Amino acid sequence: MVIMYITCKDRKEARQISMHLLKKRAIACSNIFPVESMYRWNYKIVDEPEYIIMAKTNNKNFKKAVDEVKKVHSYKIPCILRIEAKANKEYESWVNKEVK
């Protein structure tokens, strides 16, 4: 099982990306969290709010999900992290069923 960690500029974009991935059956579920982000971009330190998507998928669908995020994300270089995870067998079975 894979958890995708994706940062977004705002809640609206996080919801749009989550819905897009769900409709494409690239993910089974997403959670959206507001965060404070600090990073260096174009030689400046940026301090601004962002939203994080924590999306659940499987190994087989990870590349598909990444490709779909890149199609609709507003960032030139979106943060898309892959976090390997273990889940209870019932939940993992549900995820696998949903992303087919």
PDB file of N, CA and C in Angstrom:
ATOM      1  N   MET A   1       0.852  -1.186   0.000  1.00  0.00           N
ATOM      2  CA  MET A   1       0.000   0.000   0.000  1.00  0.00           C
ATOM      3  C   MET A   1       0.887   1.234   0.000  1.00  0.00           C
ATOM      4  N   VAL A   2       0.389   2.282  -0.646  1.00  0.00           N
ATOM      5  CA  VAL A   2       1.145   3.525  -0.778  1.00  0.00           C
ATOM      6  C   VAL A   2       0.286   4.685  -0.307  1.00  0.00           C
ATOM      7  N   ILE A   3       0.899   5.586   0.445  1.00  0.00           N
ATOM      8  CA  ILE A   3       0.281   6.861   0.787  1.00  0.00           C
ATOM      9  C   ILE A   3       0.999   7.918  -0.042  1.00  0.00           C
ATOM     10  N   MET A   4       0.224   8.694  -0.763  1.00  0.00           N
ATOM     11  CA  MET A   4       0.775   9.801  -1.531  1.00  0.00           C
ATOM     12  C   MET A   4       0.629  11.081  -0.711  1.00  0.00           C
ATOM     13  N   TYR A   5       1.713  11.813  -0.589  1.00  0.00           N
ATOM     14  CA  TYR A   5       1.737  13.094   0.116  1.00  0.00           C
ATOM     15  C   TYR A   5       1.894  14.158  -0.963  1.00  0.00           C
ATOM     16  N   ILE A   6       0.880  15.003  -1.116  1.00  0.00           N
ATOM     17  CA  ILE A   6       0.865  15.987  -2.201  1.00  0.00           C
ATOM     18  C   ILE A   6       0.534  17.355  -1.604  1.00  0.00           C
ATOM     19  N   THR A   7       1.388  18.348  -1.848  1.00  0.00           N
ATOM     20  CA  THR A   7       1.082  19.699  -1.370  1.00  0.00           C
ATOM     21  C   THR A   7       0.349  20.474  -2.456  1.00  0.00           C
ATOM     22  N   CYS A   8      -0.546  21.371  -2.011  1.00  0.00           N
ATOM     23  CA  CYS A   8      -1.369  22.176  -2.927  1.00  0.00           C
ATOM     24  C   CYS A   8      -1.423  23.615  -2.432  1.00  0.00           C
ATOM     25  N   LYS A   9      -1.699  24.536  -3.366  1.00  0.00           N
ATOM     26  CA  LYS A   9      -1.711  25.963  -3.023  1.00  0.00           C
ATOM     27  C   LYS A   9      -2.866  26.359  -2.108  1.00  0.00           C
ATOM     28  N   ASP A  10      -3.994  25.630  -2.214  1.00  0.00           N
ATOM     29  CA  ASP A  10      -5.149  25.971  -1.379  1.00  0.00           C
ATOM     30  C   ASP A  10      -6.097  24.777  -1.272  1.00  0.00           C
ATOM     31  N   ARG A  11      -7.122  24.958  -0.468  1.00  0.00           N
ATOM     32  CA  ARG A  11      -8.087  23.874  -0.228  1.00  0.00           C
ATOM     33  C   ARG A  11      -8.821  23.503  -1.513  1.00  0.00           C
ATOM     34  N   LYS A  12      -9.172  24.497  -2.302  1.00  0.00           N
ATOM     35  CA  LYS A  12      -9.907  24.245  -3.543  1.00  0.00           C
ATOM     36  C   LYS A  12      -9.097  23.335  -4.469  1.00  0.00           C
ATOM     37  N   GLU A  13      -7.827  23.641  -4.646  1.00  0.00           N
ATOM     38  CA  GLU A  13      -6.993  22.801  -5.508  1.00  0.00           C
ATOM     39  C   GLU A  13      -6.850  21.389  -4.932  1.00  0.00           C
ATOM     40  N   ALA A  14      -6.667  21.271  -3.633  1.00  0.00           N
ATOM     41  CA  ALA A  14      -6.540  19.954  -3.005  1.00  0.00           C
ATOM     42  C   ALA A  14      -7.806  19.124  -3.239  1.00  0.00           C
ATOM     43  N   ARG A  15      -8.955  19.751  -3.118  1.00  0.00           N
ATOM     44  CA  ARG A  15     -10.220  19.049  -3.365  1.00  0.00           C
ATOM     45  C   ARG A  15     -10.363  18.671  -4.843  1.00  0.00           C
ATOM     46  N   GLN A  16      -9.975  19.577  -5.737  1.00  0.00           N
ATOM     47  CA  GLN A  16     -10.076  19.284  -7.171  1.00  0.00           C
ATOM     48  C   GLN A  16      -9.163  18.121  -7.564  1.00  0.00           C
ATOM     49  N   ILE A  17      -7.947  18.125  -7.070  1.00  0.00           N
ATOM     50  CA  ILE A  17      -7.012  17.042  -7.383  1.00  0.00           C
ATOM     51  C   ILE A  17      -7.519  15.729  -6.794  1.00  0.00           C
ATOM     52  N   SER A  18      -7.996  15.765  -5.562  1.00  0.00           N
ATOM     53  CA  SER A  18      -8.532  14.552  -4.936  1.00  0.00           C
ATOM     54  C   SER A  18      -9.692  13.994  -5.744  1.00  0.00           C
ATOM     55  N   MET A  19     -10.613  14.854  -6.144  1.00  0.00           N
ATOM     56  CA  MET A  19     -11.763  14.408  -6.932  1.00  0.00           C
ATOM     57  C   MET A  19     -11.319  13.837  -8.277  1.00  0.00           C
ATOM     58  N   HIS A  20     -10.365  14.487  -8.916  1.00  0.00           N
ATOM     59  CA  HIS A  20      -9.840  14.007 -10.195  1.00  0.00           C
ATOM     60  C   HIS A  20      -9.254  12.596 -10.034  1.00  0.00           C
ATOM     61  N   LEU A  21      -8.454  12.396  -8.994  1.00  0.00           N
ATOM     62  CA  LEU A  21      -7.834  11.086  -8.759  1.00  0.00           C
ATOM     63  C   LEU A  21      -8.871  10.021  -8.424  1.00  0.00           C
ATOM     64  N   LEU A  22      -9.892  10.399  -7.668  1.00  0.00           N
ATOM     65  CA  LEU A  22     -10.960   9.452  -7.346  1.00  0.00           C
ATOM     66  C   LEU A  22     -11.739   9.057  -8.599  1.00  0.00           C
ATOM     67  N   LYS A  23     -12.064  10.035  -9.434  1.00  0.00           N
ATOM     68  CA  LYS A  23     -12.811   9.737 -10.660  1.00  0.00           C
ATOM     69  C   LYS A  23     -12.012   8.853 -11.614  1.00  0.00           C
ATOM     70  N   LYS A  24     -10.695   9.030 -11.628  1.00  0.00           N
ATOM     71  CA  LYS A  24      -9.818   8.218 -12.478  1.00  0.00           C
ATOM     72  C   LYS A  24      -9.507   6.855 -11.845  1.00  0.00           C
ATOM     73  N   ARG A  25     -10.008   6.651 -10.633  1.00  0.00           N
ATOM     74  CA  ARG A  25      -9.759   5.422  -9.858  1.00  0.00           C
ATOM     75  C   ARG A  25      -8.255   5.192  -9.622  1.00  0.00           C
ATOM     76  N   ALA A  26      -7.524   6.291  -9.516  1.00  0.00           N
ATOM     77  CA  ALA A  26      -6.092   6.220  -9.232  1.00  0.00           C
ATOM     78  C   ALA A  26      -5.832   6.109  -7.734  1.00  0.00           C
ATOM     79  N   ILE A  27      -6.796   6.579  -6.937  1.00  0.00           N
ATOM     80  CA  ILE A  27      -6.717   6.478  -5.476  1.00  0.00           C
ATOM     81  C   ILE A  27      -8.057   5.959  -4.950  1.00  0.00           C
ATOM     82  N   ALA A  28      -8.014   5.461  -3.711  1.00  0.00           N
ATOM     83  CA  ALA A  28      -9.244   4.989  -3.065  1.00  0.00           C
ATOM     84  C   ALA A  28      -9.803   6.027  -2.102  1.00  0.00           C
ATOM     85  N   CYS A  29      -8.943   6.901  -1.591  1.00  0.00           N
ATOM     86  CA  CYS A  29      -9.347   7.798  -0.513  1.00  0.00           C
ATOM     87  C   CYS A  29      -8.339   8.933  -0.418  1.00  0.00           C
ATOM     88  N   SER A  30      -8.784  10.097   0.023  1.00  0.00           N
ATOM     89  CA  SER A  30      -7.833  11.170   0.327  1.00  0.00           C
ATOM     90  C   SER A  30      -8.259  11.896   1.596  1.00  0.00           C
ATOM     91  N   ASN A  31      -7.277  12.405   2.293  1.00  0.00           N
ATOM     92  CA  ASN A  31      -7.490  13.274   3.450  1.00  0.00           C
ATOM     93  C   ASN A  31      -6.795  14.588   3.130  1.00  0.00           C
ATOM     94  N   ILE A  32      -7.404  15.700   3.521  1.00  0.00           N
ATOM     95  CA  ILE A  32      -6.864  17.015   3.215  1.00  0.00           C
ATOM     96  C   ILE A  32      -6.639  17.778   4.513  1.00  0.00           C
ATOM     97  N   PHE A  33      -5.421  18.325   4.655  1.00  0.00           N
ATOM     98  CA  PHE A  33      -5.027  19.023   5.881  1.00  0.00           C
ATOM     99  C   PHE A  33      -4.444  20.394   5.563  1.00  0.00           C
ATOM    100  N   PRO A  34      -4.810  21.434   6.320  1.00  0.00           N
ATOM    101  CA  PRO A  34      -4.129  22.718   6.179  1.00  0.00           C
ATOM    102  C   PRO A  34      -2.788  22.672   6.915  1.00  0.00           C
ATOM    103  N   VAL A  35      -1.769  23.306   6.325  1.00  0.00           N
ATOM    104  CA  VAL A  35      -0.435  23.342   6.945  1.00  0.00           C
ATOM    105  C   VAL A  35       0.214  24.700   6.690  1.00  0.00           C
ATOM    106  N   GLU A  36       1.241  24.989   7.454  1.00  0.00           N
ATOM    107  CA  GLU A  36       2.100  26.141   7.197  1.00  0.00           C
ATOM    108  C   GLU A  36       3.364  25.607   6.541  1.00  0.00           C
ATOM    109  N   SER A  37       3.727  26.171   5.411  1.00  0.00           N
ATOM    110  CA  SER A  37       4.900  25.699   4.676  1.00  0.00           C
ATOM    111  C   SER A  37       5.945  26.800   4.564  1.00  0.00           C
ATOM    112  N   MET A  38       7.193  26.390   4.704  1.00  0.00           N
ATOM    113  CA  MET A  38       8.328  27.288   4.497  1.00  0.00           C
ATOM    114  C   MET A  38       9.300  26.568   3.572  1.00  0.00           C
ATOM    115  N   TYR A  39       9.715  27.265   2.521  1.00  0.00           N
ATOM    116  CA  TYR A  39      10.619  26.649   1.560  1.00  0.00           C
ATOM    117  C   TYR A  39      11.333  27.737   0.758  1.00  0.00           C
ATOM    118  N   ARG A  40      12.385  27.326   0.075  1.00  0.00           N
ATOM    119  CA  ARG A  40      13.115  28.254  -0.774  1.00  0.00           C
ATOM    120  C   ARG A  40      12.619  28.087  -2.202  1.00  0.00           C
ATOM    121  N   TRP A  41      12.244  29.198  -2.855  1.00  0.00           N
ATOM    122  CA  TRP A  41      11.779  29.160  -4.238  1.00  0.00           C
ATOM    123  C   TRP A  41      12.235  30.433  -4.945  1.00  0.00           C
ATOM    124  N   ASN A  42      12.878  30.295  -6.084  1.00  0.00           N
ATOM    125  CA  ASN A  42      13.392  31.432  -6.856  1.00  0.00           C
ATOM    126  C   ASN A  42      14.247  32.363  -5.995  1.00  0.00           C
ATOM    127  N   TYR A  43      15.164  31.776  -5.244  1.00  0.00           N
ATOM    128  CA  TYR A  43      16.143  32.504  -4.431  1.00  0.00           C
ATOM    129  C   TYR A  43      15.538  33.241  -3.240  1.00  0.00           C
ATOM    130  N   LYS A  44      14.280  32.944  -2.906  1.00  0.00           N
ATOM    131  CA  LYS A  44      13.630  33.577  -1.756  1.00  0.00           C
ATOM    132  C   LYS A  44      13.105  32.497  -0.820  1.00  0.00           C
ATOM    133  N   ILE A  45      13.010  32.850   0.457  1.00  0.00           N
ATOM    134  CA  ILE A  45      12.354  31.970   1.410  1.00  0.00           C
ATOM    135  C   ILE A  45      10.882  32.341   1.443  1.00  0.00           C
ATOM    136  N   VAL A  46      10.048  31.346   1.227  1.00  0.00           N
ATOM    137  CA  VAL A  46       8.603  31.537   1.184  1.00  0.00           C
ATOM    138  C   VAL A  46       7.997  30.961   2.461  1.00  0.00           C
ATOM    139  N   ASP A  47       7.060  31.674   3.035  1.00  0.00           N
ATOM    140  CA  ASP A  47       6.348  31.239   4.245  1.00  0.00           C
ATOM    141  C   ASP A  47       4.864  31.488   3.976  1.00  0.00           C
ATOM    142  N   GLU A  48       4.133  30.400   3.684  1.00  0.00           N
ATOM    143  CA  GLU A  48       2.731  30.572   3.314  1.00  0.00           C
ATOM    144  C   GLU A  48       1.920  29.326   3.642  1.00  0.00           C
ATOM    145  N   PRO A  49       0.613  29.479   3.698  1.00  0.00           N
ATOM    146  CA  PRO A  49      -0.237  28.307   3.937  1.00  0.00           C
ATOM    147  C   PRO A  49      -0.324  27.441   2.683  1.00  0.00           C
ATOM    148  N   GLU A  50      -0.454  26.150   2.900  1.00  0.00           N
ATOM    149  CA  GLU A  50      -0.707  25.185   1.831  1.00  0.00           C
ATOM    150  C   GLU A  50      -1.664  24.140   2.378  1.00  0.00           C
ATOM    151  N   TYR A  51      -2.086  23.252   1.519  1.00  0.00           N
ATOM    152  CA  TYR A  51      -2.899  22.110   1.927  1.00  0.00           C
ATOM    153  C   TYR A  51      -2.200  20.843   1.469  1.00  0.00           C
ATOM    154  N   ILE A  52      -2.293  19.816   2.298  1.00  0.00           N
ATOM    155  CA  ILE A  52      -1.690  18.524   1.989  1.00  0.00           C
ATOM    156  C   ILE A  52      -2.791  17.510   1.709  1.00  0.00           C
ATOM    157  N   ILE A  53      -2.589  16.767   0.635  1.00  0.00           N
ATOM    158  CA  ILE A  53      -3.427  15.601   0.352  1.00  0.00           C
ATOM    159  C   ILE A  53      -2.650  14.372   0.792  1.00  0.00           C
ATOM    160  N   MET A  54      -3.285  13.537   1.584  1.00  0.00           N
ATOM    161  CA  MET A  54      -2.746  12.218   1.915  1.00  0.00           C
ATOM    162  C   MET A  54      -3.688  11.242   1.224  1.00  0.00           C
ATOM    163  N   ALA A  55      -3.248  10.677   0.100  1.00  0.00           N
ATOM    164  CA  ALA A  55      -4.096   9.809  -0.717  1.00  0.00           C
ATOM    165  C   ALA A  55      -3.610   8.367  -0.619  1.00  0.00           C
ATOM    166  N   LYS A  56      -4.581   7.446  -0.571  1.00  0.00           N
ATOM    167  CA  LYS A  56      -4.242   6.030  -0.458  1.00  0.00           C
ATOM    168  C   LYS A  56      -4.433   5.347  -1.802  1.00  0.00           C
ATOM    169  N   THR A  57      -3.400   4.597  -2.212  1.00  0.00           N
ATOM    170  CA  THR A  57      -3.458   3.816  -3.438  1.00  0.00           C
ATOM    171  C   THR A  57      -2.606   2.566  -3.248  1.00  0.00           C
ATOM    172  N   ASN A  58      -2.382   1.837  -4.319  1.00  0.00           N
ATOM    173  CA  ASN A  58      -1.503   0.676  -4.223  1.00  0.00           C
ATOM    174  C   ASN A  58      -0.291   0.886  -5.125  1.00  0.00           C
ATOM    175  N   ASN A  59       0.678  -0.006  -5.017  1.00  0.00           N
ATOM    176  CA  ASN A  59       1.907   0.115  -5.804  1.00  0.00           C
ATOM    177  C   ASN A  59       1.619   0.165  -7.296  1.00  0.00           C
ATOM    178  N   LYS A  60       0.685  -0.645  -7.733  1.00  0.00           N
ATOM    179  CA  LYS A  60       0.352  -0.764  -9.148  1.00  0.00           C
ATOM    180  C   LYS A  60      -0.162   0.559  -9.731  1.00  0.00           C
ATOM    181  N   ASN A  61      -0.898   1.332  -8.955  1.00  0.00           N
ATOM    182  CA  ASN A  61      -1.522   2.565  -9.440  1.00  0.00           C
ATOM    183  C   ASN A  61      -0.757   3.837  -9.112  1.00  0.00           C
ATOM    184  N   PHE A  62       0.376   3.731  -8.438  1.00  0.00           N
ATOM    185  CA  PHE A  62       1.108   4.930  -8.028  1.00  0.00           C
ATOM    186  C   PHE A  62       1.515   5.783  -9.228  1.00  0.00           C
ATOM    187  N   LYS A  63       2.125   5.185 -10.238  1.00  0.00           N
ATOM    188  CA  LYS A  63       2.576   5.955 -11.401  1.00  0.00           C
ATOM    189  C   LYS A  63       1.394   6.634 -12.097  1.00  0.00           C
ATOM    190  N   LYS A  64       0.297   5.918 -12.239  1.00  0.00           N
ATOM    191  CA  LYS A  64      -0.912   6.495 -12.846  1.00  0.00           C
ATOM    192  C   LYS A  64      -1.350   7.720 -12.044  1.00  0.00           C
ATOM    193  N   ALA A  65      -1.367   7.600 -10.722  1.00  0.00           N
ATOM    194  CA  ALA A  65      -1.785   8.714  -9.871  1.00  0.00           C
ATOM    195  C   ALA A  65      -0.838   9.899 -10.014  1.00  0.00           C
ATOM    196  N   VAL A  66       0.465   9.647 -10.056  1.00  0.00           N
ATOM    197  CA  VAL A  66       1.443  10.729 -10.232  1.00  0.00           C
ATOM    198  C   VAL A  66       1.211  11.436 -11.564  1.00  0.00           C
ATOM    199  N   ASP A  67       1.039  10.661 -12.620  1.00  0.00           N
ATOM    200  CA  ASP A  67       0.802  11.253 -13.940  1.00  0.00           C
ATOM    201  C   ASP A  67      -0.458  12.116 -13.946  1.00  0.00           C
ATOM    202  N   GLU A  68      -1.508  11.657 -13.277  1.00  0.00           N
ATOM    203  CA  GLU A  68      -2.755  12.423 -13.221  1.00  0.00           C
ATOM    204  C   GLU A  68      -2.590  13.710 -12.414  1.00  0.00           C
ATOM    205  N   VAL A  69      -1.853  13.649 -11.309  1.00  0.00           N
ATOM    206  CA  VAL A  69      -1.612  14.861 -10.513  1.00  0.00           C
ATOM    207  C   VAL A  69      -0.885  15.896 -11.366  1.00  0.00           C
ATOM    208  N   LYS A  70       0.144  15.463 -12.081  1.00  0.00           N
ATOM    209  CA  LYS A  70       0.930  16.391 -12.897  1.00  0.00           C
ATOM    210  C   LYS A  70       0.086  17.065 -13.979  1.00  0.00           C
ATOM    211  N   LYS A  71      -0.937  16.385 -14.476  1.00  0.00           N
ATOM    212  CA  LYS A  71      -1.810  16.959 -15.501  1.00  0.00           C
ATOM    213  C   LYS A  71      -2.622  18.139 -14.984  1.00  0.00           C
ATOM    214  N   VAL A  72      -3.001  18.112 -13.694  1.00  0.00           N
ATOM    215  CA  VAL A  72      -3.950  19.115 -13.187  1.00  0.00           C
ATOM    216  C   VAL A  72      -3.383  20.049 -12.114  1.00  0.00           C
ATOM    217  N   HIS A  73      -2.175  19.776 -11.617  1.00  0.00           N
ATOM    218  CA  HIS A  73      -1.605  20.585 -10.529  1.00  0.00           C
ATOM    219  C   HIS A  73      -1.141  21.943 -11.038  1.00  0.00           C
ATOM    220  N   SER A  74      -1.316  22.978 -10.230  1.00  0.00           N
ATOM    221  CA  SER A  74      -0.923  24.333 -10.626  1.00  0.00           C
ATOM    222  C   SER A  74       0.578  24.595 -10.448  1.00  0.00           C
ATOM    223  N   TYR A  75       1.253  23.824  -9.615  1.00  0.00           N
ATOM    224  CA  TYR A  75       2.679  24.066  -9.370  1.00  0.00           C
ATOM    225  C   TYR A  75       3.525  23.580 -10.541  1.00  0.00           C
ATOM    226  N   LYS A  76       4.566  24.337 -10.866  1.00  0.00           N
ATOM    227  CA  LYS A  76       5.521  23.926 -11.902  1.00  0.00           C
ATOM    228  C   LYS A  76       6.208  22.627 -11.489  1.00  0.00           C
ATOM    229  N   ILE A  77       6.540  22.523 -10.205  1.00  0.00           N
ATOM    230  CA  ILE A  77       7.181  21.323  -9.663  1.00  0.00           C
ATOM    231  C   ILE A  77       6.368  20.880  -8.439  1.00  0.00           C
ATOM    232  N   PRO A  78       5.324  20.095  -8.640  1.00  0.00           N
ATOM    233  CA  PRO A  78       4.518  19.666  -7.478  1.00  0.00           C
ATOM    234  C   PRO A  78       5.283  18.683  -6.591  1.00  0.00           C
ATOM    235  N   CYS A  79       5.030  18.765  -5.305  1.00  0.00           N
ATOM    236  CA  CYS A  79       5.585  17.812  -4.341  1.00  0.00           C
ATOM    237  C   CYS A  79       4.651  16.603  -4.315  1.00  0.00           C
ATOM    238  N   ILE A  80       5.168  15.467  -4.775  1.00  0.00           N
ATOM    239  CA  ILE A  80       4.407  14.222  -4.759  1.00  0.00           C
ATOM    240  C   ILE A  80       5.323  13.169  -4.151  1.00  0.00           C
ATOM    241  N   LEU A  81       5.057  12.801  -2.908  1.00  0.00           N
ATOM    242  CA  LEU A  81       5.905  11.830  -2.221  1.00  0.00           C
ATOM    243  C   LEU A  81       5.206  10.480  -2.132  1.00  0.00           C
ATOM    244  N   ARG A  82       5.996   9.435  -2.182  1.00  0.00           N
ATOM    245  CA  ARG A  82       5.505   8.066  -2.043  1.00  0.00           C
ATOM    246  C   ARG A  82       5.935   7.569  -0.667  1.00  0.00           C
ATOM    247  N   ILE A  83       4.953   7.177   0.143  1.00  0.00           N
ATOM    248  CA  ILE A  83       5.237   6.648   1.480  1.00  0.00           C
ATOM    249  C   ILE A  83       4.686   5.226   1.526  1.00  0.00           C
ATOM    250  N   GLU A  84       5.575   4.266   1.674  1.00  0.00           N
ATOM    251  CA  GLU A  84       5.153   2.867   1.772  1.00  0.00           C
ATOM    252  C   GLU A  84       4.456   2.672   3.117  1.00  0.00           C
ATOM    253  N   ALA A  85       3.369   1.925   3.115  1.00  0.00           N
ATOM    254  CA  ALA A  85       2.602   1.726   4.343  1.00  0.00           C
ATOM    255  C   ALA A  85       2.072   0.296   4.414  1.00  0.00           C
ATOM    256  N   LYS A  86       1.867  -0.170   5.620  1.00  0.00           N
ATOM    257  CA  LYS A  86       1.202  -1.446   5.872  1.00  0.00           C
ATOM    258  C   LYS A  86      -0.176  -1.121   6.438  1.00  0.00           C
ATOM    259  N   ALA A  87      -1.161  -1.857   5.978  1.00  0.00           N
ATOM    260  CA  ALA A  87      -2.527  -1.635   6.469  1.00  0.00           C
ATOM    261  C   ALA A  87      -3.110  -2.965   6.906  1.00  0.00           C
ATOM    262  N   ASN A  88      -4.184  -2.890   7.688  1.00  0.00           N
ATOM    263  CA  ASN A  88      -4.891  -4.122   8.011  1.00  0.00           C
ATOM    264  C   ASN A  88      -5.432  -4.706   6.704  1.00  0.00           C
ATOM    265  N   LYS A  89      -5.548  -6.015   6.642  1.00  0.00           N
ATOM    266  CA  LYS A  89      -5.862  -6.681   5.372  1.00  0.00           C
ATOM    267  C   LYS A  89      -7.208  -6.253   4.800  1.00  0.00           C
ATOM    268  N   GLU A  90      -8.181  -5.965   5.645  1.00  0.00           N
ATOM    269  CA  GLU A  90      -9.490  -5.550   5.148  1.00  0.00           C
ATOM    270  C   GLU A  90      -9.409  -4.190   4.443  1.00  0.00           C
ATOM    271  N   TYR A  91      -8.651  -3.270   5.034  1.00  0.00           N
ATOM    272  CA  TYR A  91      -8.520  -1.942   4.436  1.00  0.00           C
ATOM    273  C   TYR A  91      -7.737  -2.023   3.130  1.00  0.00           C
ATOM    274  N   GLU A  92      -6.660  -2.775   3.144  1.00  0.00           N
ATOM    275  CA  GLU A  92      -5.852  -2.921   1.931  1.00  0.00           C
ATOM    276  C   GLU A  92      -6.666  -3.573   0.811  1.00  0.00           C
ATOM    277  N   SER A  93      -7.486  -4.530   1.155  1.00  0.00           N
ATOM    278  CA  SER A  93      -8.347  -5.175   0.176  1.00  0.00           C
ATOM    279  C   SER A  93      -9.336  -4.160  -0.414  1.00  0.00           C
ATOM    280  N   TRP A  94      -9.895  -3.313   0.437  1.00  0.00           N
ATOM    281  CA  TRP A  94     -10.823  -2.276  -0.022  1.00  0.00           C
ATOM    282  C   TRP A  94     -10.116  -1.312  -0.982  1.00  0.00           C
ATOM    283  N   VAL A  95      -8.901  -0.871  -0.619  1.00  0.00           N
ATOM    284  CA  VAL A  95      -8.142   0.036  -1.491  1.00  0.00           C
ATOM    285  C   VAL A  95      -7.909  -0.613  -2.849  1.00  0.00           C
ATOM    286  N   ASN A  96      -7.451  -1.856  -2.850  1.00  0.00           N
ATOM    287  CA  ASN A  96      -7.189  -2.557  -4.110  1.00  0.00           C
ATOM    288  C   ASN A  96      -8.437  -2.678  -4.966  1.00  0.00           C
ATOM    289  N   LYS A  97      -9.584  -2.902  -4.334  1.00  0.00           N
ATOM    290  CA  LYS A  97     -10.850  -3.001  -5.062  1.00  0.00           C
ATOM    291  C   LYS A  97     -11.230  -1.650  -5.690  1.00  0.00           C
ATOM    292  N   GLU A  98     -11.001  -0.568  -4.962  1.00  0.00           N
ATOM    293  CA  GLU A  98     -11.414   0.757  -5.421  1.00  0.00           C
ATOM    294  C   GLU A  98     -10.548   1.332  -6.536  1.00  0.00           C
ATOM    295  N   VAL A  99      -9.294   0.941  -6.610  1.00  0.00           N
ATOM    296  CA  VAL A  99      -8.403   1.519  -7.616  1.00  0.00           C
ATOM    297  C   VAL A  99      -8.284   0.668  -8.877  1.00  0.00           C
ATOM    298  N   LYS A 100      -9.107  -0.346  -9.009  1.00  0.00           N
ATOM    299  CA  LYS A 100      -9.068  -1.180 -10.232  1.00  0.00           C
ATOM    300  C   LYS A 100      -9.615  -0.431 -11.414  1.00  0.00           C
TER     301      LYS A 100
END
